[in-house]
Every structure is written in structure tokens, then in C-alpha cells.
Amino acid sequence: MQGSKEEEGPTPKAIGIASDHGGFELKQHLAAKLREGGYRVVDFGDRQAQPQDDYPDFVIPLALAVAQGGLDRGVAICGSGVGACLAANKVDGARACLIHETFSARQGVEDDDLNIICMGGLVVGHAAAWELLQAFLGARYSGEERHRRRLAKIAQLETPAPKEIP
């Protein structure tokens, strides 16, 4: 079984994490759990709970680092997780999804090469969030032809179309 995992890709070890004030407490909890699990954690902030902060200021740098290959995977957290997901998906190469159950945490990676998990710090408890994160980190992209084909269609949308001059 371990041999097949190696063929699908190495275990992610460098994990980025980011949150605004709505996800700050959950971010701190998950970062500590990741470190305890032997992961290298890169914290993109916020460094303290500041009610006036904005999730794009932290999530976009995280998404850029993941998309550019500087990190294996990312965790983006805001109050609901929706804003973090929207911001992360604006970055070419970032494939982020709001996750609330383990099937999608695993299947999103296996089929859709999900590289950023988004959660709501005000809607997901600590134990559930850790369970979701473990499923996300334990999954590997299958690389099956049908999944590559679908991702290629999505990637075409990331490339700006030439603008016509009127």
C-alpha cells in the first residue's frame, strides 16, 4: 500500500496556513496540531486577532505560495470559509474548496487535485477541523486521464483570452 502512495506523490510536508480574525483561533489550533505531526508550517497571518483585518491580505499570499510550488498544500480560514475560498481561487494554479466533511476533503484531492482547504473558523469546531485536515493531507491526486482532462478544461479559464480591439 505504501508503494502506491509513493507513486502518486510524496506526503505533503510544507503546509501554509492563513486566517483573518474570524479564523484566528482555529488557525492557531491547527498550526499547533500540524507542528506536533511533524509538518513544517508557514503562517501567513494574521499574527493576532484584529477585528478590522481582511482575509485577502493573508489568503492571497498563501494561495500564491501554494500555486507556485513553494508549499505542498494550504489551509485558508475565515469566519465562514467562503471568503477565503473565493480569494484563493482567484490565484492561477490554486484549487481551493470550502470543506465541511471528510469525503470531499479526500475526494477533492484525489479527483480535482485540491491544494488548498478552506474552513470557517466560526462554523467548524476544532476536532472536526483537524479530522478534515488529516483527510485532506492524507489524500493523493490520482492523475487519472479523466481527471487530468477536466482540470485542463478549468486551466484554460485561467489563461486570459486575447482582448479584441474595437
Foldseek 3Di string as FASTA:
>chain_A
DVVVVVVLHDQFAEEEEEEALQQVVLRVLLVVVSVVVRHHYHYQDDPDHDPPDDQLSRLLVRLVCCQVPVGQAYEGEYQAQVVSQVSSVLDQRAAEDEDQDLVCLQVCCQQQVHRYYTGHNNPDDNVSVNSSVCSNSPHGHNPDPVSVVVNVVVNVVVDDDDDDDD
